[in-house]
N, C-alpha and C. Protein backbone atom coordinates (compact mmCIF):
# COMPACT_ATOMS: atom_id res chain seq x y z
N UNK A 1 23.20 28.40 145.24
CA UNK A 1 23.32 27.89 146.60
C UNK A 1 22.48 28.75 147.55
N UNK A 2 21.71 28.11 148.39
CA UNK A 2 20.82 28.83 149.31
C UNK A 2 21.64 29.49 150.42
N UNK A 3 21.29 30.74 150.73
CA UNK A 3 21.90 31.49 151.83
C UNK A 3 21.30 30.96 153.14
N UNK A 4 22.15 30.68 154.13
CA UNK A 4 21.65 30.11 155.39
C UNK A 4 22.10 30.95 156.58
N UNK A 5 21.13 31.31 157.41
CA UNK A 5 21.41 32.03 158.66
C UNK A 5 21.02 31.13 159.84
N UNK A 6 21.97 30.96 160.77
CA UNK A 6 21.71 30.24 162.01
C UNK A 6 21.52 31.29 163.09
N UNK A 7 20.37 31.31 163.72
CA UNK A 7 20.02 32.41 164.63
C UNK A 7 19.96 31.95 166.09
N UNK A 8 20.03 32.93 166.97
CA UNK A 8 19.90 32.65 168.40
C UNK A 8 21.14 32.04 169.02
N UNK A 9 22.31 32.37 168.47
CA UNK A 9 23.56 31.79 168.98
C UNK A 9 24.06 32.57 170.19
N UNK A 10 24.66 31.82 171.14
CA UNK A 10 25.16 32.46 172.37
C UNK A 10 26.51 31.93 172.82
N UNK A 11 27.04 30.92 172.13
CA UNK A 11 28.31 30.33 172.55
C UNK A 11 29.29 30.23 171.39
N UNK A 12 30.57 30.21 171.74
CA UNK A 12 31.61 30.05 170.74
C UNK A 12 31.46 28.71 170.01
N UNK A 13 31.10 27.67 170.76
CA UNK A 13 30.96 26.33 170.17
C UNK A 13 29.89 26.30 169.09
N UNK A 14 28.75 26.91 169.37
CA UNK A 14 27.66 26.94 168.39
C UNK A 14 28.06 27.76 167.16
N UNK A 15 28.75 28.86 167.40
CA UNK A 15 29.18 29.71 166.29
C UNK A 15 30.17 28.97 165.40
N UNK A 16 31.12 28.27 166.00
CA UNK A 16 32.10 27.53 165.21
C UNK A 16 31.44 26.40 164.42
N UNK A 17 30.44 25.74 165.03
CA UNK A 17 29.71 24.69 164.30
C UNK A 17 29.01 25.28 163.09
N UNK A 18 28.44 26.47 163.25
CA UNK A 18 27.75 27.13 162.14
C UNK A 18 28.72 27.51 161.03
N UNK A 19 29.83 28.12 161.42
CA UNK A 19 30.81 28.56 160.42
C UNK A 19 31.44 27.36 159.72
N UNK A 20 31.82 26.35 160.50
CA UNK A 20 32.44 25.15 159.93
C UNK A 20 31.49 24.44 158.96
N UNK A 21 30.18 24.51 159.26
CA UNK A 21 29.20 23.84 158.42
C UNK A 21 28.84 24.61 157.16
N UNK A 22 29.31 25.86 157.07
CA UNK A 22 29.06 26.64 155.86
C UNK A 22 27.98 27.70 155.98
N UNK A 23 27.62 28.10 157.21
CA UNK A 23 26.61 29.15 157.37
C UNK A 23 27.10 30.45 156.74
N UNK A 24 26.15 31.20 156.20
CA UNK A 24 26.47 32.50 155.60
C UNK A 24 26.30 33.63 156.61
N UNK A 25 25.45 33.41 157.61
CA UNK A 25 25.17 34.43 158.61
C UNK A 25 24.85 33.78 159.94
N UNK A 26 25.17 34.50 161.03
CA UNK A 26 24.80 34.05 162.36
C UNK A 26 24.06 35.19 163.05
N UNK A 27 23.02 34.83 163.81
CA UNK A 27 22.18 35.83 164.44
C UNK A 27 22.25 35.80 165.95
N UNK A 28 22.16 37.00 166.54
CA UNK A 28 22.16 37.16 167.99
C UNK A 28 20.87 37.86 168.39
N UNK A 29 20.06 37.20 169.21
CA UNK A 29 18.77 37.75 169.62
C UNK A 29 19.00 38.70 170.79
N UNK A 30 18.72 39.97 170.58
CA UNK A 30 18.97 40.98 171.60
C UNK A 30 17.68 41.51 172.20
N UNK A 31 16.58 40.77 172.00
CA UNK A 31 15.28 41.07 172.59
C UNK A 31 14.94 39.98 173.60
N UNK A 32 13.98 40.24 174.51
CA UNK A 32 13.57 39.22 175.48
C UNK A 32 13.20 37.91 174.80
N UNK A 33 13.86 36.82 175.20
CA UNK A 33 13.72 35.51 174.56
C UNK A 33 14.56 34.52 175.35
N UNK A 34 14.26 33.21 175.24
CA UNK A 34 15.17 32.22 175.85
C UNK A 34 16.57 32.29 175.24
N UNK A 35 16.69 32.97 174.08
CA UNK A 35 17.96 33.06 173.36
C UNK A 35 18.62 34.42 173.51
N UNK A 36 18.06 35.26 174.37
CA UNK A 36 18.56 36.63 174.48
C UNK A 36 20.01 36.68 174.94
N UNK A 37 20.74 37.64 174.37
CA UNK A 37 22.14 37.86 174.72
C UNK A 37 22.38 39.36 174.72
N UNK A 38 23.22 39.84 175.62
CA UNK A 38 23.45 41.28 175.74
C UNK A 38 24.37 41.78 174.63
N UNK A 39 24.30 43.08 174.39
CA UNK A 39 25.15 43.69 173.37
C UNK A 39 26.62 43.49 173.70
N UNK A 40 26.97 43.57 174.97
CA UNK A 40 28.36 43.39 175.38
C UNK A 40 28.84 41.97 175.10
N UNK A 41 27.97 40.98 175.34
CA UNK A 41 28.32 39.59 175.06
C UNK A 41 28.45 39.35 173.55
N UNK A 42 27.55 39.96 172.80
CA UNK A 42 27.60 39.81 171.34
C UNK A 42 28.92 40.37 170.81
N UNK A 43 29.33 41.50 171.33
CA UNK A 43 30.57 42.14 170.86
C UNK A 43 31.77 41.20 170.99
N UNK A 44 31.86 40.49 172.12
CA UNK A 44 32.95 39.53 172.33
C UNK A 44 32.91 38.44 171.27
N UNK A 45 31.69 37.91 171.01
CA UNK A 45 31.54 36.83 170.02
C UNK A 45 31.82 37.32 168.60
N UNK A 46 31.37 38.53 168.29
CA UNK A 46 31.62 39.11 166.96
C UNK A 46 33.11 39.26 166.71
N UNK A 47 33.85 39.65 167.74
CA UNK A 47 35.31 39.79 167.59
C UNK A 47 35.95 38.43 167.27
N UNK A 48 35.39 37.36 167.84
CA UNK A 48 35.93 36.03 167.57
C UNK A 48 35.62 35.57 166.15
N UNK A 49 34.50 36.05 165.62
CA UNK A 49 34.10 35.68 164.25
C UNK A 49 35.07 36.28 163.23
N UNK A 50 35.57 37.47 163.53
CA UNK A 50 36.59 38.13 162.71
C UNK A 50 36.21 38.22 161.23
N UNK A 51 34.97 38.60 160.95
CA UNK A 51 34.56 38.85 159.58
C UNK A 51 34.33 37.64 158.70
N UNK A 52 34.29 36.44 159.30
CA UNK A 52 34.13 35.23 158.48
C UNK A 52 32.71 35.05 157.95
N UNK A 53 31.71 35.57 158.66
CA UNK A 53 30.31 35.48 158.21
C UNK A 53 29.59 36.77 158.56
N UNK A 54 28.41 36.95 158.00
CA UNK A 54 27.54 38.07 158.35
C UNK A 54 27.11 37.91 159.82
N UNK A 55 27.19 39.00 160.59
CA UNK A 55 26.76 38.96 161.99
C UNK A 55 25.51 39.84 162.14
N UNK A 56 24.45 39.25 162.68
CA UNK A 56 23.13 39.89 162.67
C UNK A 56 22.63 40.13 164.10
N UNK A 57 22.32 41.37 164.40
CA UNK A 57 21.65 41.70 165.66
C UNK A 57 20.15 41.66 165.40
N UNK A 58 19.44 40.83 166.18
CA UNK A 58 18.01 40.61 165.95
C UNK A 58 17.20 41.32 167.03
N UNK A 59 16.24 42.14 166.59
CA UNK A 59 15.41 42.93 167.50
C UNK A 59 13.94 42.72 167.18
N UNK A 60 13.11 42.73 168.21
CA UNK A 60 11.68 42.50 167.99
C UNK A 60 10.91 43.81 167.92
N UNK A 61 10.52 44.36 169.06
CA UNK A 61 9.66 45.55 169.05
C UNK A 61 10.34 46.80 169.60
N UNK A 62 11.66 46.71 169.82
CA UNK A 62 12.37 47.86 170.38
C UNK A 62 12.28 49.07 169.45
N UNK A 63 12.35 50.26 170.04
CA UNK A 63 12.41 51.48 169.25
C UNK A 63 13.73 51.56 168.49
N UNK A 64 13.74 52.34 167.43
CA UNK A 64 14.93 52.42 166.58
C UNK A 64 16.13 52.99 167.34
N UNK A 65 15.91 53.89 168.27
CA UNK A 65 17.04 54.42 169.06
C UNK A 65 17.73 53.29 169.82
N UNK A 66 16.95 52.40 170.41
CA UNK A 66 17.50 51.25 171.15
C UNK A 66 18.23 50.31 170.20
N UNK A 67 17.63 50.06 169.04
CA UNK A 67 18.25 49.18 168.04
C UNK A 67 19.60 49.75 167.60
N UNK A 68 19.64 51.04 167.34
CA UNK A 68 20.89 51.68 166.91
C UNK A 68 21.95 51.61 168.01
N UNK A 69 21.55 51.89 169.25
CA UNK A 69 22.50 51.88 170.36
C UNK A 69 23.08 50.49 170.59
N UNK A 70 22.19 49.48 170.66
CA UNK A 70 22.64 48.12 170.98
C UNK A 70 23.43 47.49 169.84
N UNK A 71 23.03 47.75 168.61
CA UNK A 71 23.76 47.17 167.47
C UNK A 71 25.13 47.81 167.35
N UNK A 72 25.25 49.09 167.68
CA UNK A 72 26.55 49.75 167.64
C UNK A 72 27.47 49.18 168.71
N UNK A 73 26.93 48.97 169.91
CA UNK A 73 27.74 48.39 170.98
C UNK A 73 28.18 46.97 170.62
N UNK A 74 27.29 46.22 170.00
CA UNK A 74 27.58 44.83 169.65
C UNK A 74 28.53 44.71 168.46
N UNK A 75 28.58 45.76 167.64
CA UNK A 75 29.42 45.78 166.44
C UNK A 75 29.02 44.73 165.40
N UNK A 76 27.74 44.46 165.30
CA UNK A 76 27.24 43.58 164.24
C UNK A 76 27.24 44.36 162.93
N UNK A 77 27.31 43.63 161.81
CA UNK A 77 27.31 44.33 160.52
C UNK A 77 25.94 44.30 159.84
N UNK A 78 24.96 43.66 160.52
CA UNK A 78 23.61 43.55 159.96
C UNK A 78 22.60 43.71 161.09
N UNK A 79 21.47 44.36 160.79
CA UNK A 79 20.37 44.49 161.75
C UNK A 79 19.13 43.84 161.17
N UNK A 80 18.48 43.02 162.00
CA UNK A 80 17.20 42.39 161.64
C UNK A 80 16.13 42.91 162.58
N UNK A 81 15.06 43.47 162.02
CA UNK A 81 13.98 44.00 162.85
C UNK A 81 12.67 43.28 162.56
N UNK A 82 12.00 42.89 163.63
CA UNK A 82 10.64 42.35 163.57
C UNK A 82 9.68 43.45 163.99
N UNK A 83 8.40 43.16 163.97
CA UNK A 83 7.41 44.14 164.40
C UNK A 83 6.99 45.05 163.27
N UNK A 84 6.05 45.94 163.57
CA UNK A 84 5.55 46.88 162.57
C UNK A 84 6.56 48.01 162.40
N UNK A 85 7.10 48.12 161.21
CA UNK A 85 8.14 49.12 160.95
C UNK A 85 7.72 50.04 159.81
N UNK A 86 8.35 51.22 159.76
CA UNK A 86 8.06 52.18 158.70
C UNK A 86 9.30 52.37 157.84
N UNK A 87 9.09 52.92 156.66
CA UNK A 87 10.21 53.21 155.77
C UNK A 87 11.18 54.20 156.42
N UNK A 88 10.65 55.14 157.20
CA UNK A 88 11.50 56.12 157.88
C UNK A 88 12.41 55.44 158.91
N UNK A 89 11.87 54.44 159.60
CA UNK A 89 12.69 53.71 160.58
C UNK A 89 13.78 52.91 159.88
N UNK A 90 13.43 52.22 158.82
CA UNK A 90 14.43 51.45 158.07
C UNK A 90 15.52 52.39 157.53
N UNK A 91 15.11 53.57 157.09
CA UNK A 91 16.07 54.54 156.54
C UNK A 91 17.10 54.95 157.58
N UNK A 92 16.72 54.97 158.86
CA UNK A 92 17.68 55.33 159.91
C UNK A 92 18.72 54.22 160.14
N UNK A 93 18.37 53.00 159.79
CA UNK A 93 19.29 51.88 159.98
C UNK A 93 20.29 51.73 158.83
N UNK A 94 19.86 52.10 157.65
CA UNK A 94 20.67 51.84 156.44
C UNK A 94 22.08 52.43 156.48
N UNK A 95 22.30 53.63 157.03
CA UNK A 95 23.66 54.18 156.99
C UNK A 95 24.63 53.54 157.98
N UNK A 96 24.13 52.78 158.95
CA UNK A 96 25.01 52.34 160.05
C UNK A 96 25.45 50.88 159.96
N UNK A 97 24.83 50.10 159.10
CA UNK A 97 25.22 48.70 158.91
C UNK A 97 25.27 48.36 157.43
N UNK A 98 25.90 47.23 157.11
CA UNK A 98 26.01 46.82 155.71
C UNK A 98 24.67 46.33 155.15
N UNK A 99 23.88 45.65 156.02
CA UNK A 99 22.66 45.01 155.56
C UNK A 99 21.53 45.19 156.58
N UNK A 100 20.32 45.43 156.09
CA UNK A 100 19.13 45.49 156.95
C UNK A 100 18.16 44.41 156.50
N UNK A 101 17.72 43.59 157.47
CA UNK A 101 16.74 42.54 157.23
C UNK A 101 15.44 42.94 157.91
N UNK A 102 14.34 42.93 157.18
CA UNK A 102 13.03 43.21 157.77
C UNK A 102 12.24 41.91 157.82
N UNK A 103 11.77 41.56 159.01
CA UNK A 103 11.02 40.32 159.19
C UNK A 103 9.53 40.60 159.28
N UNK A 104 8.76 39.80 158.56
CA UNK A 104 7.29 39.92 158.60
C UNK A 104 6.69 38.53 158.80
N UNK A 105 5.49 38.45 159.41
CA UNK A 105 4.84 37.14 159.55
C UNK A 105 4.26 36.68 158.21
N UNK A 106 4.05 35.38 158.09
CA UNK A 106 3.53 34.85 156.82
C UNK A 106 2.07 35.24 156.58
N UNK A 107 1.47 35.91 157.55
CA UNK A 107 0.09 36.36 157.42
C UNK A 107 -0.03 37.67 156.63
N UNK A 108 1.11 38.30 156.34
CA UNK A 108 1.09 39.53 155.53
C UNK A 108 0.55 39.18 154.15
N UNK A 109 -0.43 39.97 153.68
CA UNK A 109 -1.13 39.61 152.44
C UNK A 109 -0.21 39.59 151.22
N UNK A 110 0.56 40.66 151.03
CA UNK A 110 1.43 40.70 149.86
C UNK A 110 2.83 41.16 150.27
N UNK A 111 3.61 40.24 150.82
CA UNK A 111 4.97 40.65 151.20
C UNK A 111 5.79 40.99 149.97
N UNK A 112 6.63 42.00 150.09
CA UNK A 112 7.44 42.43 148.94
C UNK A 112 8.85 42.77 149.42
N UNK A 113 9.83 42.13 148.82
CA UNK A 113 11.21 42.38 149.17
C UNK A 113 11.60 43.82 148.86
N UNK A 114 12.15 44.51 149.87
CA UNK A 114 12.60 45.88 149.67
C UNK A 114 11.51 46.93 149.74
N UNK A 115 10.31 46.54 150.15
CA UNK A 115 9.18 47.48 150.15
C UNK A 115 9.42 48.71 151.01
N UNK A 116 10.17 48.54 152.10
CA UNK A 116 10.47 49.68 152.98
C UNK A 116 11.93 50.11 152.88
N UNK A 117 12.63 49.56 151.90
CA UNK A 117 14.02 49.93 151.69
C UNK A 117 15.03 48.94 152.26
N UNK A 118 14.54 47.87 152.87
CA UNK A 118 15.45 46.85 153.43
C UNK A 118 16.15 46.08 152.31
N UNK A 119 17.29 45.48 152.65
CA UNK A 119 18.02 44.69 151.67
C UNK A 119 17.44 43.28 151.53
N UNK A 120 17.02 42.71 152.65
CA UNK A 120 16.52 41.33 152.68
C UNK A 120 15.19 41.30 153.43
N UNK A 121 14.23 40.56 152.90
CA UNK A 121 12.96 40.34 153.59
C UNK A 121 12.95 38.93 154.16
N UNK A 122 12.53 38.78 155.41
CA UNK A 122 12.41 37.48 156.04
C UNK A 122 10.94 37.20 156.34
N UNK A 123 10.43 36.10 155.84
CA UNK A 123 9.03 35.73 156.08
C UNK A 123 9.01 34.60 157.10
N UNK A 124 8.39 34.87 158.24
CA UNK A 124 8.44 33.99 159.40
C UNK A 124 7.04 33.50 159.77
N UNK A 125 7.00 32.57 160.70
CA UNK A 125 5.73 32.14 161.28
C UNK A 125 5.12 33.33 162.04
N UNK A 126 3.81 33.30 162.34
CA UNK A 126 3.19 34.42 163.05
C UNK A 126 3.88 34.77 164.37
N UNK A 127 4.37 33.76 165.08
CA UNK A 127 5.10 34.01 166.34
C UNK A 127 6.57 33.66 166.12
N UNK A 128 7.39 34.68 165.89
CA UNK A 128 8.81 34.46 165.63
C UNK A 128 9.46 33.73 166.80
N UNK A 129 10.28 32.72 166.49
CA UNK A 129 10.96 31.97 167.53
C UNK A 129 10.14 30.85 168.13
N UNK A 130 8.92 30.66 167.62
CA UNK A 130 8.02 29.64 168.19
C UNK A 130 8.36 28.23 167.74
N UNK A 131 9.06 28.12 166.59
CA UNK A 131 9.35 26.81 166.05
C UNK A 131 8.18 26.18 165.32
N UNK A 132 7.14 26.97 165.06
CA UNK A 132 5.94 26.44 164.40
C UNK A 132 6.15 26.39 162.89
N UNK A 133 5.95 25.20 162.31
CA UNK A 133 6.06 25.08 160.86
C UNK A 133 4.74 25.49 160.21
N UNK A 134 4.76 25.74 158.91
CA UNK A 134 3.56 26.18 158.20
C UNK A 134 3.66 25.77 156.74
N UNK A 135 2.68 26.14 155.95
CA UNK A 135 2.64 25.71 154.54
C UNK A 135 3.57 26.60 153.72
N UNK A 136 4.82 26.18 153.60
CA UNK A 136 5.81 26.98 152.90
C UNK A 136 5.48 27.15 151.42
N UNK A 137 4.75 26.20 150.86
CA UNK A 137 4.43 26.28 149.43
C UNK A 137 3.51 27.46 149.12
N UNK A 138 2.88 28.04 150.14
CA UNK A 138 2.01 29.20 149.92
C UNK A 138 2.78 30.40 149.37
N UNK A 139 4.10 30.40 149.55
CA UNK A 139 4.92 31.51 149.05
C UNK A 139 5.51 31.25 147.67
N UNK A 140 5.30 30.07 147.14
CA UNK A 140 5.90 29.70 145.85
C UNK A 140 5.53 30.72 144.77
N UNK A 141 6.54 31.31 144.16
CA UNK A 141 6.31 32.23 143.06
C UNK A 141 5.80 33.61 143.45
N UNK A 142 5.64 33.87 144.77
CA UNK A 142 5.06 35.14 145.20
C UNK A 142 6.09 36.22 145.49
N UNK A 143 7.34 35.81 145.68
CA UNK A 143 8.38 36.76 146.05
C UNK A 143 9.57 36.66 145.13
N UNK A 144 10.27 37.77 144.98
CA UNK A 144 11.50 37.76 144.18
C UNK A 144 12.58 38.47 144.98
N UNK A 145 13.79 38.42 144.46
CA UNK A 145 14.89 39.09 145.13
C UNK A 145 15.39 38.32 146.35
N UNK A 146 16.03 39.03 147.25
CA UNK A 146 16.63 38.41 148.42
C UNK A 146 15.61 38.29 149.55
N UNK A 147 14.99 37.11 149.63
CA UNK A 147 14.04 36.88 150.72
C UNK A 147 14.33 35.54 151.37
N UNK A 148 14.10 35.49 152.67
CA UNK A 148 14.42 34.31 153.46
C UNK A 148 13.16 33.68 154.05
N UNK A 149 13.20 32.37 154.12
CA UNK A 149 12.11 31.59 154.69
C UNK A 149 12.49 31.21 156.12
N UNK A 150 11.54 31.34 157.06
CA UNK A 150 11.81 31.00 158.45
C UNK A 150 10.53 30.47 159.10
N UNK A 151 10.71 29.88 160.28
CA UNK A 151 9.55 29.41 161.04
C UNK A 151 9.37 27.91 160.95
N UNK A 152 9.79 27.19 161.98
CA UNK A 152 9.56 25.76 162.03
C UNK A 152 10.49 24.92 161.17
N UNK A 153 11.56 25.52 160.67
CA UNK A 153 12.49 24.75 159.85
C UNK A 153 13.39 23.89 160.75
N UNK A 154 13.69 22.68 160.28
CA UNK A 154 14.52 21.72 161.01
C UNK A 154 15.37 20.95 160.00
N UNK A 155 16.36 20.20 160.47
CA UNK A 155 17.16 19.41 159.53
C UNK A 155 16.31 18.46 158.68
N UNK A 156 15.22 17.94 159.24
CA UNK A 156 14.43 16.94 158.51
C UNK A 156 13.38 17.53 157.57
N UNK A 157 13.20 18.87 157.56
CA UNK A 157 12.20 19.43 156.65
C UNK A 157 12.71 20.59 155.79
N UNK A 158 13.96 21.03 156.04
CA UNK A 158 14.43 22.23 155.32
C UNK A 158 14.58 21.99 153.83
N UNK A 159 15.04 20.83 153.42
CA UNK A 159 15.21 20.57 151.98
C UNK A 159 13.86 20.61 151.27
N UNK A 160 12.84 20.01 151.88
CA UNK A 160 11.49 20.03 151.28
C UNK A 160 10.92 21.44 151.26
N UNK A 161 11.19 22.22 152.32
CA UNK A 161 10.70 23.60 152.38
C UNK A 161 11.32 24.44 151.28
N UNK A 162 12.60 24.23 151.03
CA UNK A 162 13.29 24.98 149.96
C UNK A 162 12.70 24.61 148.60
N UNK A 163 12.44 23.33 148.41
CA UNK A 163 11.82 22.91 147.14
C UNK A 163 10.43 23.52 146.98
N UNK A 164 9.68 23.62 148.08
CA UNK A 164 8.30 24.09 148.02
C UNK A 164 8.20 25.60 147.76
N UNK A 165 9.10 26.38 148.38
CA UNK A 165 8.96 27.84 148.32
C UNK A 165 9.99 28.55 147.46
N UNK A 166 11.09 27.87 147.13
CA UNK A 166 12.18 28.46 146.34
C UNK A 166 12.68 29.79 146.90
N UNK A 167 13.02 29.84 148.18
CA UNK A 167 13.52 31.10 148.75
C UNK A 167 14.97 31.36 148.35
N UNK A 168 15.38 32.61 148.49
CA UNK A 168 16.80 32.96 148.30
C UNK A 168 17.62 32.43 149.48
N UNK A 169 16.99 32.41 150.68
CA UNK A 169 17.70 31.94 151.86
C UNK A 169 16.75 31.36 152.89
N UNK A 170 17.33 30.73 153.92
CA UNK A 170 16.54 30.17 155.02
C UNK A 170 17.19 30.59 156.34
N UNK A 171 16.36 30.61 157.39
CA UNK A 171 16.79 31.03 158.72
C UNK A 171 16.27 30.03 159.73
N UNK A 172 17.12 29.60 160.66
CA UNK A 172 16.70 28.62 161.66
C UNK A 172 17.19 29.03 163.04
N UNK A 173 16.39 28.72 164.06
CA UNK A 173 16.83 28.94 165.44
C UNK A 173 16.44 27.75 166.30
N UNK A 174 15.16 27.65 166.66
CA UNK A 174 14.74 26.55 167.55
C UNK A 174 14.92 25.18 166.92
N UNK A 175 14.93 25.11 165.60
CA UNK A 175 15.05 23.82 164.90
C UNK A 175 16.40 23.16 165.02
N UNK A 176 17.38 23.88 165.60
CA UNK A 176 18.71 23.29 165.81
C UNK A 176 19.08 23.35 167.30
N UNK A 177 18.04 23.18 168.16
CA UNK A 177 18.26 23.22 169.60
C UNK A 177 17.88 21.91 170.27
N UNK A 178 18.60 21.58 171.34
CA UNK A 178 18.26 20.40 172.16
C UNK A 178 17.29 20.78 173.26
N UNK A 179 17.21 22.08 173.58
CA UNK A 179 16.28 22.65 174.56
C UNK A 179 16.16 24.13 174.22
N UNK A 180 15.10 24.82 174.69
CA UNK A 180 14.96 26.24 174.34
C UNK A 180 16.21 27.05 174.68
N UNK A 181 16.81 27.64 173.65
CA UNK A 181 17.98 28.46 173.85
C UNK A 181 19.30 27.72 173.86
N UNK A 182 19.25 26.37 173.77
CA UNK A 182 20.48 25.56 173.83
C UNK A 182 20.75 24.96 172.45
N UNK A 183 21.74 25.49 171.75
CA UNK A 183 22.04 25.01 170.41
C UNK A 183 22.77 23.67 170.45
N UNK A 184 22.48 22.83 169.45
CA UNK A 184 23.08 21.51 169.33
C UNK A 184 23.97 21.52 168.08
N UNK A 185 25.27 21.38 168.27
CA UNK A 185 26.21 21.48 167.15
C UNK A 185 25.91 20.46 166.06
N UNK A 186 25.50 19.26 166.43
CA UNK A 186 25.23 18.23 165.42
C UNK A 186 24.00 18.59 164.59
N UNK A 187 22.99 19.21 165.23
CA UNK A 187 21.80 19.64 164.49
C UNK A 187 22.13 20.80 163.55
N UNK A 188 22.99 21.71 164.00
CA UNK A 188 23.43 22.81 163.14
C UNK A 188 24.12 22.26 161.89
N UNK A 189 25.01 21.31 162.10
CA UNK A 189 25.74 20.70 160.99
C UNK A 189 24.79 20.01 160.02
N UNK A 190 23.83 19.24 160.56
CA UNK A 190 22.85 18.53 159.71
C UNK A 190 21.99 19.50 158.95
N UNK A 191 21.55 20.57 159.61
CA UNK A 191 20.69 21.56 158.95
C UNK A 191 21.41 22.18 157.76
N UNK A 192 22.65 22.58 157.98
CA UNK A 192 23.42 23.20 156.91
C UNK A 192 23.65 22.24 155.75
N UNK A 193 23.91 20.98 156.06
CA UNK A 193 24.12 19.98 155.01
C UNK A 193 22.86 19.80 154.18
N UNK A 194 21.71 19.72 154.86
CA UNK A 194 20.43 19.53 154.15
C UNK A 194 20.04 20.76 153.34
N UNK A 195 20.31 21.96 153.89
CA UNK A 195 19.91 23.19 153.20
C UNK A 195 20.77 23.48 151.97
N UNK A 196 22.02 23.04 152.03
CA UNK A 196 22.96 23.39 150.96
C UNK A 196 23.31 22.23 150.04
N UNK A 197 22.60 21.12 150.17
CA UNK A 197 22.93 19.94 149.35
C UNK A 197 22.68 20.20 147.86
């Protein structure tokens, strides 16, 4: 069964739709974005989740000190970092959360799961959060272990993308929105049904 993360959540309603639909993880964007949410707001939502799914604090280019501070305040159990990162930076995250996700653009020549010590590798479109789809089949057979496919996934293309790339998991944000930053519960439900069929 494919692991599914619904990202960019900001409301109890969206979170419950994700959990009810069978999501394995929910993500909170704590960097500048139409989906941005404060660490204090995330903490309230994480308390409502009560350990039912993986909770992910998503950061773009912030320094590791900021990532550590905000994720601790939010009480997420997973950290996802975008941007150019080093093994030393990932090593600072590993002791403080259960899981570390490292996100890279699909333009990386030879992505490798765990290359910097992360638990999960996420391969995204060049502009994370853009909703731009791409040739998912380009990754077929190139990656092993726990890696996630992201970028331009929607309820109407996720099943085909999974067939094309055979990822361990998938991640969606804009593909389940009615407007930038506004999650649609029915789209979340449809996405999960298509991804896990």
